[in-house]
Amino acid sequence: MREHGGTGTGGRRGQAERDAITVEIGYAVCSAAFAAAVVFGAVAGPALLFALPGAVDTVLVRGGGVLAGVLFAVRTVSVLVRYRRAAQPSQPGRTSPDS
C-alpha cells in the first residue's frame, strides 16, 4: 500500500506527521497529569497530612479531586488546540519563518 504525504491535500499522513502528533499528545497528557497532581496536592494535602474534622477533610479531598480533573481536561485540550493551530500556516502557500 502506498502512503501519500501532505497535510492539506486530503491524503494520508506521513510517518513524521504521525510521530509529531503522538509526541504532542504525550506532552499534553504528561503536563496535564503533573499540573493536576500539583493542584490536588495543594488542595487536599492539608487533609491528608493533618487530623482535620470529617467535613473539612471530605471537602478538601473531593474539591482537590474535582479541581484536578477539570485542570487535567482543560490543560490537555488547550495544548492540543494550540498544536493544531500552530500546524497550519498563517497564509496559504507560505511556510512559517522558523521552518
PDB file of N, CA and C in Angstrom:
ATOM      1  N   MET A   1       0.834  -1.162   0.000  1.00  0.00           N
ATOM      2  CA  MET A   1       0.000   0.000   0.000  1.00  0.00           C
ATOM      3  C   MET A   1       0.887   1.235   0.000  1.00  0.00           C
ATOM      4  N   ARG A   2       0.574   2.189  -0.835  1.00  0.00           N
ATOM      5  CA  ARG A   2       1.372   3.400  -0.956  1.00  0.00           C
ATOM      6  C   ARG A   2       0.850   4.484  -0.032  1.00  0.00           C
ATOM      7  N   GLU A   3       1.783   5.225   0.563  1.00  0.00           N
ATOM      8  CA  GLU A   3       1.419   6.283   1.505  1.00  0.00           C
ATOM      9  C   GLU A   3       1.593   7.629   0.835  1.00  0.00           C
ATOM     10  N   HIS A   4       0.579   8.455   0.958  1.00  0.00           N
ATOM     11  CA  HIS A   4       0.608   9.786   0.367  1.00  0.00           C
ATOM     12  C   HIS A   4       0.951  10.800   1.429  1.00  0.00           C
ATOM     13  N   GLY A   5       1.829  11.720   1.126  1.00  0.00           N
ATOM     14  CA  GLY A   5       2.179  12.781   2.067  1.00  0.00           C
ATOM     15  C   GLY A   5       1.255  13.964   1.893  1.00  0.00           C
ATOM     16  N   GLY A   6       1.516  14.996   2.651  1.00  0.00           N
ATOM     17  CA  GLY A   6       0.715  16.216   2.535  1.00  0.00           C
ATOM     18  C   GLY A   6      -0.254  16.334   3.682  1.00  0.00           C
ATOM     19  N   THR A   7      -0.431  17.567   4.119  1.00  0.00           N
ATOM     20  CA  THR A   7      -1.328  17.770   5.248  1.00  0.00           C
ATOM     21  C   THR A   7      -2.672  18.315   4.806  1.00  0.00           C
ATOM     22  N   GLY A   8      -2.708  19.115   3.797  1.00  0.00           N
ATOM     23  CA  GLY A   8      -3.963  19.735   3.403  1.00  0.00           C
ATOM     24  C   GLY A   8      -4.545  19.139   2.136  1.00  0.00           C
ATOM     25  N   THR A   9      -3.984  18.066   1.630  1.00  0.00           N
ATOM     26  CA  THR A   9      -4.431  17.506   0.369  1.00  0.00           C
ATOM     27  C   THR A   9      -5.467  16.426   0.537  1.00  0.00           C
ATOM     28  N   GLY A  10      -5.810  16.083   1.760  1.00  0.00           N
ATOM     29  CA  GLY A  10      -6.790  15.031   1.980  1.00  0.00           C
ATOM     30  C   GLY A  10      -6.183  13.654   1.948  1.00  0.00           C
ATOM     31  N   GLY A  11      -4.870  13.561   1.712  1.00  0.00           N
ATOM     32  CA  GLY A  11      -4.189  12.274   1.689  1.00  0.00           C
ATOM     33  C   GLY A  11      -3.883  11.786   3.079  1.00  0.00           C
ATOM     34  N   ARG A  12      -3.267  10.639   3.138  1.00  0.00           N
ATOM     35  CA  ARG A  12      -2.893  10.075   4.430  1.00  0.00           C
ATOM     36  C   ARG A  12      -1.700  10.818   4.999  1.00  0.00           C
ATOM     37  N   ARG A  13      -1.575  10.783   6.298  1.00  0.00           N
ATOM     38  CA  ARG A  13      -0.465  11.466   6.961  1.00  0.00           C
ATOM     39  C   ARG A  13       0.805  10.657   6.822  1.00  0.00           C
ATOM     40  N   GLY A  14       1.921  11.366   6.712  1.00  0.00           N
ATOM     41  CA  GLY A  14       3.214  10.716   6.666  1.00  0.00           C
ATOM     42  C   GLY A  14       3.651  10.296   8.058  1.00  0.00           C
ATOM     43  N   GLN A  15       4.684   9.465   8.106  1.00  0.00           N
ATOM     44  CA  GLN A  15       5.167   8.952   9.386  1.00  0.00           C
ATOM     45  C   GLN A  15       5.660  10.076  10.297  1.00  0.00           C
ATOM     46  N   ALA A  16       6.332  11.068   9.747  1.00  0.00           N
ATOM     47  CA  ALA A  16       6.839  12.176  10.558  1.00  0.00           C
ATOM     48  C   ALA A  16       5.696  12.961  11.193  1.00  0.00           C
ATOM     49  N   GLU A  17       4.632  13.171  10.450  1.00  0.00           N
ATOM     50  CA  GLU A  17       3.486  13.897  10.996  1.00  0.00           C
ATOM     51  C   GLU A  17       2.776  13.076  12.068  1.00  0.00           C
ATOM     52  N   ARG A  18       2.654  11.776  11.857  1.00  0.00           N
ATOM     53  CA  ARG A  18       2.043  10.915  12.880  1.00  0.00           C
ATOM     54  C   ARG A  18       2.896  10.895  14.141  1.00  0.00           C
ATOM     55  N   ASP A  19       4.213  10.855  13.982  1.00  0.00           N
ATOM     56  CA  ASP A  19       5.104  10.888  15.141  1.00  0.00           C
ATOM     57  C   ASP A  19       4.975  12.213  15.899  1.00  0.00           C
ATOM     58  N   ALA A  20       4.878  13.319  15.175  1.00  0.00           N
ATOM     59  CA  ALA A  20       4.739  14.623  15.815  1.00  0.00           C
ATOM     60  C   ALA A  20       3.431  14.713  16.602  1.00  0.00           C
ATOM     61  N   ILE A  21       2.371  14.175  16.052  1.00  0.00           N
ATOM     62  CA  ILE A  21       1.089  14.178  16.747  1.00  0.00           C
ATOM     63  C   ILE A  21       1.159  13.311  17.996  1.00  0.00           C
ATOM     64  N   THR A  22       1.807  12.155  17.897  1.00  0.00           N
ATOM     65  CA  THR A  22       1.950  11.266  19.049  1.00  0.00           C
ATOM     66  C   THR A  22       2.747  11.930  20.167  1.00  0.00           C
ATOM     67  N   VAL A  23       3.829  12.600  19.807  1.00  0.00           N
ATOM     68  CA  VAL A  23       4.640  13.300  20.809  1.00  0.00           C
ATOM     69  C   VAL A  23       3.827  14.416  21.451  1.00  0.00           C
ATOM     70  N   GLU A  24       3.069  15.143  20.669  1.00  0.00           N
ATOM     71  CA  GLU A  24       2.264  16.242  21.215  1.00  0.00           C
ATOM     72  C   GLU A  24       1.177  15.724  22.151  1.00  0.00           C
ATOM     73  N   ILE A  25       0.553  14.623  21.822  1.00  0.00           N
ATOM     74  CA  ILE A  25      -0.451  14.023  22.705  1.00  0.00           C
ATOM     75  C   ILE A  25       0.210  13.575  24.009  1.00  0.00           C
ATOM     76  N   GLY A  26       1.373  12.957  23.907  1.00  0.00           N
ATOM     77  CA  GLY A  26       2.092  12.537  25.102  1.00  0.00           C
ATOM     78  C   GLY A  26       2.456  13.718  25.979  1.00  0.00           C
ATOM     79  N   TYR A  27       2.916  14.804  25.372  1.00  0.00           N
ATOM     80  CA  TYR A  27       3.246  16.005  26.130  1.00  0.00           C
ATOM     81  C   TYR A  27       2.003  16.570  26.809  1.00  0.00           C
ATOM     82  N   ALA A  28       0.900  16.617  26.086  1.00  0.00           N
ATOM     83  CA  ALA A  28      -0.337  17.165  26.648  1.00  0.00           C
ATOM     84  C   ALA A  28      -0.793  16.356  27.856  1.00  0.00           C
ATOM     85  N   VAL A  29      -0.758  15.044  27.746  1.00  0.00           N
ATOM     86  CA  VAL A  29      -1.220  14.189  28.845  1.00  0.00           C
ATOM     87  C   VAL A  29      -0.262  14.279  30.039  1.00  0.00           C
ATOM     88  N   CYS A  30       1.031  14.223  29.782  1.00  0.00           N
ATOM     89  CA  CYS A  30       2.006  14.273  30.893  1.00  0.00           C
ATOM     90  C   CYS A  30       1.986  15.620  31.603  1.00  0.00           C
ATOM     91  N   SER A  31       1.949  16.716  30.865  1.00  0.00           N
ATOM     92  CA  SER A  31       1.932  18.027  31.511  1.00  0.00           C
ATOM     93  C   SER A  31       0.617  18.245  32.255  1.00  0.00           C
ATOM     94  N   ALA A  32      -0.477  17.728  31.717  1.00  0.00           N
ATOM     95  CA  ALA A  32      -1.765  17.854  32.406  1.00  0.00           C
ATOM     96  C   ALA A  32      -1.788  17.012  33.675  1.00  0.00           C
ATOM     97  N   ALA A  33      -1.210  15.820  33.622  1.00  0.00           N
ATOM     98  CA  ALA A  33      -1.161  14.967  34.818  1.00  0.00           C
ATOM     99  C   ALA A  33      -0.302  15.605  35.902  1.00  0.00           C
ATOM    100  N   PHE A  34       0.809  16.194  35.529  1.00  0.00           N
ATOM    101  CA  PHE A  34       1.668  16.864  36.511  1.00  0.00           C
ATOM    102  C   PHE A  34       0.948  18.048  37.146  1.00  0.00           C
ATOM    103  N   ALA A  35       0.321  18.879  36.325  1.00  0.00           N
ATOM    104  CA  ALA A  35      -0.394  20.050  36.857  1.00  0.00           C
ATOM    105  C   ALA A  35      -1.542  19.616  37.764  1.00  0.00           C
ATOM    106  N   ALA A  36      -2.267  18.560  37.367  1.00  0.00           N
ATOM    107  CA  ALA A  36      -3.371  18.066  38.184  1.00  0.00           C
ATOM    108  C   ALA A  36      -2.869  17.517  39.512  1.00  0.00           C
ATOM    109  N   ALA A  37      -1.740  16.825  39.499  1.00  0.00           N
ATOM    110  CA  ALA A  37      -1.180  16.281  40.742  1.00  0.00           C
ATOM    111  C   ALA A  37      -0.746  17.400  41.685  1.00  0.00           C
ATOM    112  N   VAL A  38      -0.164  18.454  41.137  1.00  0.00           N
ATOM    113  CA  VAL A  38       0.251  19.586  41.966  1.00  0.00           C
ATOM    114  C   VAL A  38      -0.961  20.262  42.599  1.00  0.00           C
ATOM    115  N   VAL A  39      -2.011  20.474  41.811  1.00  0.00           N
ATOM    116  CA  VAL A  39      -3.214  21.115  42.343  1.00  0.00           C
ATOM    117  C   VAL A  39      -3.881  20.226  43.390  1.00  0.00           C
ATOM    118  N   PHE A  40      -3.962  18.932  43.113  1.00  0.00           N
ATOM    119  CA  PHE A  40      -4.563  18.025  44.091  1.00  0.00           C
ATOM    120  C   PHE A  40      -3.763  18.041  45.391  1.00  0.00           C
ATOM    121  N   GLY A  41      -2.449  17.996  45.275  1.00  0.00           N
ATOM    122  CA  GLY A  41      -1.606  18.035  46.473  1.00  0.00           C
ATOM    123  C   GLY A  41      -1.757  19.322  47.252  1.00  0.00           C
ATOM    124  N   ALA A  42      -1.889  20.442  46.549  1.00  0.00           N
ATOM    125  CA  ALA A  42      -2.035  21.724  47.228  1.00  0.00           C
ATOM    126  C   ALA A  42      -3.375  21.843  47.943  1.00  0.00           C
ATOM    127  N   VAL A  43      -4.437  21.333  47.332  1.00  0.00           N
ATOM    128  CA  VAL A  43      -5.771  21.458  47.928  1.00  0.00           C
ATOM    129  C   VAL A  43      -6.023  20.366  48.967  1.00  0.00           C
ATOM    130  N   ALA A  44      -5.735  19.125  48.616  1.00  0.00           N
ATOM    131  CA  ALA A  44      -6.052  18.008  49.506  1.00  0.00           C
ATOM    132  C   ALA A  44      -4.912  17.677  50.466  1.00  0.00           C
ATOM    133  N   GLY A  45      -3.747  18.229  50.241  1.00  0.00           N
ATOM    134  CA  GLY A  45      -2.596  17.936  51.086  1.00  0.00           C
ATOM    135  C   GLY A  45      -2.819  18.160  52.570  1.00  0.00           C
ATOM    136  N   PRO A  46      -3.357  19.304  52.959  1.00  0.00           N
ATOM    137  CA  PRO A  46      -3.599  19.506  54.392  1.00  0.00           C
ATOM    138  C   PRO A  46      -4.523  18.449  55.002  1.00  0.00           C
ATOM    139  N   ALA A  47      -5.508  17.996  54.241  1.00  0.00           N
ATOM    140  CA  ALA A  47      -6.425  16.973  54.759  1.00  0.00           C
ATOM    141  C   ALA A  47      -5.708  15.635  54.916  1.00  0.00           C
ATOM    142  N   LEU A  48      -4.728  15.390  54.070  1.00  0.00           N
ATOM    143  CA  LEU A  48      -4.006  14.118  54.144  1.00  0.00           C
ATOM    144  C   LEU A  48      -2.892  14.154  55.190  1.00  0.00           C
ATOM    145  N   LEU A  49      -2.400  15.340  55.523  1.00  0.00           N
ATOM    146  CA  LEU A  49      -1.296  15.459  56.477  1.00  0.00           C
ATOM    147  C   LEU A  49      -1.742  15.696  57.915  1.00  0.00           C
ATOM    148  N   PHE A  50      -2.847  16.408  58.082  1.00  0.00           N
ATOM    149  CA  PHE A  50      -3.277  16.791  59.427  1.00  0.00           C
ATOM    150  C   PHE A  50      -4.598  16.122  59.777  1.00  0.00           C
ATOM    151  N   ALA A  51      -4.844  16.006  61.033  1.00  0.00           N
ATOM    152  CA  ALA A  51      -6.113  15.465  61.517  1.00  0.00           C
ATOM    153  C   ALA A  51      -7.137  16.595  61.549  1.00  0.00           C
ATOM    154  N   LEU A  52      -7.944  16.692  60.521  1.00  0.00           N
ATOM    155  CA  LEU A  52      -8.964  17.732  60.415  1.00  0.00           C
ATOM    156  C   LEU A  52     -10.337  17.120  60.676  1.00  0.00           C
ATOM    157  N   PRO A  53     -11.323  17.937  61.004  1.00  0.00           N
ATOM    158  CA  PRO A  53     -12.683  17.420  61.175  1.00  0.00           C
ATOM    159  C   PRO A  53     -13.166  16.727  59.898  1.00  0.00           C
ATOM    160  N   GLY A  54     -14.061  15.768  60.062  1.00  0.00           N
ATOM    161  CA  GLY A  54     -14.521  14.944  58.935  1.00  0.00           C
ATOM    162  C   GLY A  54     -15.050  15.718  57.755  1.00  0.00           C
ATOM    163  N   ALA A  55     -15.866  16.746  58.010  1.00  0.00           N
ATOM    164  CA  ALA A  55     -16.457  17.511  56.910  1.00  0.00           C
ATOM    165  C   ALA A  55     -15.382  18.288  56.150  1.00  0.00           C
ATOM    166  N   VAL A  56     -14.452  18.888  56.853  1.00  0.00           N
ATOM    167  CA  VAL A  56     -13.382  19.652  56.207  1.00  0.00           C
ATOM    168  C   VAL A  56     -12.499  18.712  55.390  1.00  0.00           C
ATOM    169  N   ASP A  57     -12.196  17.573  55.973  1.00  0.00           N
ATOM    170  CA  ASP A  57     -11.382  16.572  55.287  1.00  0.00           C
ATOM    171  C   ASP A  57     -12.044  16.143  53.975  1.00  0.00           C
ATOM    172  N   THR A  58     -13.321  15.847  54.040  1.00  0.00           N
ATOM    173  CA  THR A  58     -14.061  15.403  52.852  1.00  0.00           C
ATOM    174  C   THR A  58     -14.110  16.495  51.792  1.00  0.00           C
ATOM    175  N   VAL A  59     -14.387  17.716  52.197  1.00  0.00           N
ATOM    176  CA  VAL A  59     -14.475  18.828  51.240  1.00  0.00           C
ATOM    177  C   VAL A  59     -13.132  19.058  50.552  1.00  0.00           C
ATOM    178  N   LEU A  60     -12.050  19.033  51.301  1.00  0.00           N
ATOM    179  CA  LEU A  60     -10.733  19.268  50.705  1.00  0.00           C
ATOM    180  C   LEU A  60     -10.350  18.160  49.725  1.00  0.00           C
ATOM    181  N   VAL A  61     -10.566  16.916  50.106  1.00  0.00           N
ATOM    182  CA  VAL A  61     -10.181  15.805  49.223  1.00  0.00           C
ATOM    183  C   VAL A  61     -11.054  15.777  47.971  1.00  0.00           C
ATOM    184  N   ARG A  62     -12.361  15.913  48.139  1.00  0.00           N
ATOM    185  CA  ARG A  62     -13.247  15.912  46.961  1.00  0.00           C
ATOM    186  C   ARG A  62     -13.031  17.147  46.095  1.00  0.00           C
ATOM    187  N   GLY A  63     -12.873  18.296  46.730  1.00  0.00           N
ATOM    188  CA  GLY A  63     -12.607  19.519  45.971  1.00  0.00           C
ATOM    189  C   GLY A  63     -11.302  19.435  45.193  1.00  0.00           C
ATOM    190  N   GLY A  64     -10.272  18.881  45.836  1.00  0.00           N
ATOM    191  CA  GLY A  64      -8.994  18.691  45.142  1.00  0.00           C
ATOM    192  C   GLY A  64      -9.123  17.749  43.965  1.00  0.00           C
ATOM    193  N   GLY A  65      -9.906  16.693  44.147  1.00  0.00           N
ATOM    194  CA  GLY A  65     -10.118  15.750  43.048  1.00  0.00           C
ATOM    195  C   GLY A  65     -10.862  16.371  41.885  1.00  0.00           C
ATOM    196  N   VAL A  66     -11.890  17.146  42.194  1.00  0.00           N
ATOM    197  CA  VAL A  66     -12.656  17.809  41.130  1.00  0.00           C
ATOM    198  C   VAL A  66     -11.787  18.842  40.413  1.00  0.00           C
ATOM    199  N   LEU A  67     -11.073  19.661  41.165  1.00  0.00           N
ATOM    200  CA  LEU A  67     -10.198  20.661  40.540  1.00  0.00           C
ATOM    201  C   LEU A  67      -9.110  20.006  39.691  1.00  0.00           C
ATOM    202  N   ALA A  68      -8.544  18.924  40.190  1.00  0.00           N
ATOM    203  CA  ALA A  68      -7.502  18.224  39.436  1.00  0.00           C
ATOM    204  C   ALA A  68      -8.063  17.656  38.138  1.00  0.00           C
ATOM    205  N   GLY A  69      -9.251  17.076  38.193  1.00  0.00           N
ATOM    206  CA  GLY A  69      -9.869  16.535  36.978  1.00  0.00           C
ATOM    207  C   GLY A  69     -10.177  17.600  35.946  1.00  0.00           C
ATOM    208  N   VAL A  70     -10.722  18.707  36.414  1.00  0.00           N
ATOM    209  CA  VAL A  70     -11.037  19.809  35.498  1.00  0.00           C
ATOM    210  C   VAL A  70      -9.759  20.384  34.897  1.00  0.00           C
ATOM    211  N   LEU A  71      -8.750  20.584  35.734  1.00  0.00           N
ATOM    212  CA  LEU A  71      -7.480  21.112  35.235  1.00  0.00           C
ATOM    213  C   LEU A  71      -6.851  20.162  34.219  1.00  0.00           C
ATOM    214  N   PHE A  72      -6.905  18.860  34.478  1.00  0.00           N
ATOM    215  CA  PHE A  72      -6.358  17.882  33.537  1.00  0.00           C
ATOM    216  C   PHE A  72      -7.028  18.011  32.172  1.00  0.00           C
ATOM    217  N   ALA A  73      -8.350  18.083  32.157  1.00  0.00           N
ATOM    218  CA  ALA A  73      -9.081  18.182  30.891  1.00  0.00           C
ATOM    219  C   ALA A  73      -8.779  19.491  30.171  1.00  0.00           C
ATOM    220  N   VAL A  74      -8.787  20.591  30.901  1.00  0.00           N
ATOM    221  CA  VAL A  74      -8.551  21.903  30.284  1.00  0.00           C
ATOM    222  C   VAL A  74      -7.135  21.986  29.731  1.00  0.00           C
ATOM    223  N   ARG A  75      -6.155  21.513  30.490  1.00  0.00           N
ATOM    224  CA  ARG A  75      -4.766  21.569  30.031  1.00  0.00           C
ATOM    225  C   ARG A  75      -4.556  20.701  28.788  1.00  0.00           C
ATOM    226  N   THR A  76      -5.107  19.501  28.795  1.00  0.00           N
ATOM    227  CA  THR A  76      -4.949  18.608  27.647  1.00  0.00           C
ATOM    228  C   THR A  76      -5.556  19.220  26.392  1.00  0.00           C
ATOM    229  N   VAL A  77      -6.769  19.720  26.501  1.00  0.00           N
ATOM    230  CA  VAL A  77      -7.437  20.309  25.339  1.00  0.00           C
ATOM    231  C   VAL A  77      -6.702  21.561  24.863  1.00  0.00           C
ATOM    232  N   SER A  78      -6.259  22.410  25.782  1.00  0.00           N
ATOM    233  CA  SER A  78      -5.595  23.646  25.356  1.00  0.00           C
ATOM    234  C   SER A  78      -4.277  23.366  24.634  1.00  0.00           C
ATOM    235  N   VAL A  79      -3.519  22.375  25.096  1.00  0.00           N
ATOM    236  CA  VAL A  79      -2.264  22.039  24.415  1.00  0.00           C
ATOM    237  C   VAL A  79      -2.545  21.497  23.020  1.00  0.00           C
ATOM    238  N   LEU A  80      -3.529  20.632  22.886  1.00  0.00           N
ATOM    239  CA  LEU A  80      -3.817  20.042  21.580  1.00  0.00           C
ATOM    240  C   LEU A  80      -4.423  21.056  20.616  1.00  0.00           C
ATOM    241  N   VAL A  81      -5.242  21.969  21.095  1.00  0.00           N
ATOM    242  CA  VAL A  81      -5.801  23.010  20.231  1.00  0.00           C
ATOM    243  C   VAL A  81      -4.696  23.953  19.769  1.00  0.00           C
ATOM    244  N   ARG A  82      -3.796  24.312  20.683  1.00  0.00           N
ATOM    245  CA  ARG A  82      -2.679  25.192  20.316  1.00  0.00           C
ATOM    246  C   ARG A  82      -1.793  24.516  19.264  1.00  0.00           C
ATOM    247  N   TYR A  83      -1.560  23.210  19.400  1.00  0.00           N
ATOM    248  CA  TYR A  83      -0.758  22.483  18.419  1.00  0.00           C
ATOM    249  C   TYR A  83      -1.451  22.469  17.059  1.00  0.00           C
ATOM    250  N   ARG A  84      -2.744  22.267  17.067  1.00  0.00           N
ATOM    251  CA  ARG A  84      -3.490  22.212  15.802  1.00  0.00           C
ATOM    252  C   ARG A  84      -3.419  23.552  15.075  1.00  0.00           C
ATOM    253  N   ARG A  85      -3.546  24.652  15.840  1.00  0.00           N
ATOM    254  CA  ARG A  85      -3.469  25.982  15.221  1.00  0.00           C
ATOM    255  C   ARG A  85      -2.068  26.272  14.711  1.00  0.00           C
ATOM    256  N   ALA A  86      -1.050  25.847  15.436  1.00  0.00           N
ATOM    257  CA  ALA A  86       0.331  26.116  15.041  1.00  0.00           C
ATOM    258  C   ALA A  86       0.734  25.291  13.823  1.00  0.00           C
ATOM    259  N   ALA A  87       0.077  24.177  13.598  1.00  0.00           N
ATOM    260  CA  ALA A  87       0.432  23.314  12.476  1.00  0.00           C
ATOM    261  C   ALA A  87      -0.015  23.892  11.143  1.00  0.00           C
ATOM    262  N   GLN A  88      -0.953  24.830  11.164  1.00  0.00           N
ATOM    263  CA  GLN A  88      -1.460  25.413   9.927  1.00  0.00           C
ATOM    264  C   GLN A  88      -0.732  26.724   9.645  1.00  0.00           C
ATOM    265  N   PRO A  89      -0.230  26.907   8.423  1.00  0.00           N
ATOM    266  CA  PRO A  89       0.445  28.172   8.114  1.00  0.00           C
ATOM    267  C   PRO A  89      -0.537  29.332   8.175  1.00  0.00           C
ATOM    268  N   SER A  90      -0.036  30.510   8.549  1.00  0.00           N
ATOM    269  CA  SER A  90      -0.905  31.669   8.700  1.00  0.00           C
ATOM    270  C   SER A  90      -1.402  32.189   7.354  1.00  0.00           C
ATOM    271  N   GLN A  91      -0.607  31.994   6.315  1.00  0.00           N
ATOM    272  CA  GLN A  91      -1.013  32.409   4.986  1.00  0.00           C
ATOM    273  C   GLN A  91      -0.895  31.202   4.062  1.00  0.00           C
ATOM    274  N   PRO A  92      -1.945  30.907   3.311  1.00  0.00           N
ATOM    275  CA  PRO A  92      -1.896  29.739   2.419  1.00  0.00           C
ATOM    276  C   PRO A  92      -0.729  29.828   1.449  1.00  0.00           C
ATOM    277  N   GLY A  93      -0.040  28.728   1.288  1.00  0.00           N
ATOM    278  CA  GLY A  93       1.065  28.670   0.351  1.00  0.00           C
ATOM    279  C   GLY A  93       2.391  29.129   0.916  1.00  0.00           C
ATOM    280  N   ARG A  94       2.414  29.577   2.165  1.00  0.00           N
ATOM    281  CA  ARG A  94       3.665  30.046   2.779  1.00  0.00           C
ATOM    282  C   ARG A  94       3.969  29.185   3.975  1.00  0.00           C
ATOM    283  N   THR A  95       5.249  29.068   4.242  1.00  0.00           N
ATOM    284  CA  THR A  95       5.668  28.336   5.432  1.00  0.00           C
ATOM    285  C   THR A  95       5.976  29.319   6.551  1.00  0.00           C
ATOM    286  N   SER A  96       6.047  28.817   7.755  1.00  0.00           N
ATOM    287  CA  SER A  96       6.355  29.708   8.865  1.00  0.00           C
ATOM    288  C   SER A  96       7.842  30.090   8.808  1.00  0.00           C
ATOM    289  N   PRO A  97       8.215  31.233   9.360  1.00  0.00           N
ATOM    290  CA  PRO A  97       9.586  31.714   9.261  1.00  0.00           C
ATOM    291  C   PRO A  97      10.618  30.808   9.919  1.00  0.00           C
ATOM    292  N   ASP A  98      10.219  30.024  10.897  1.00  0.00           N
ATOM    293  CA  ASP A  98      11.186  29.185  11.591  1.00  0.00           C
ATOM    294  C   ASP A  98      11.326  27.795  11.000  1.00  0.00           C
ATOM    295  N   SER A  99      10.711  27.545   9.856  1.00  0.00           N
ATOM    296  CA  SER A  99      10.831  26.206   9.262  1.00  0.00           C
ATOM    297  C   SER A  99      11.975  26.123   8.280  1.00  0.00           C
TER     298      SER A  99
END
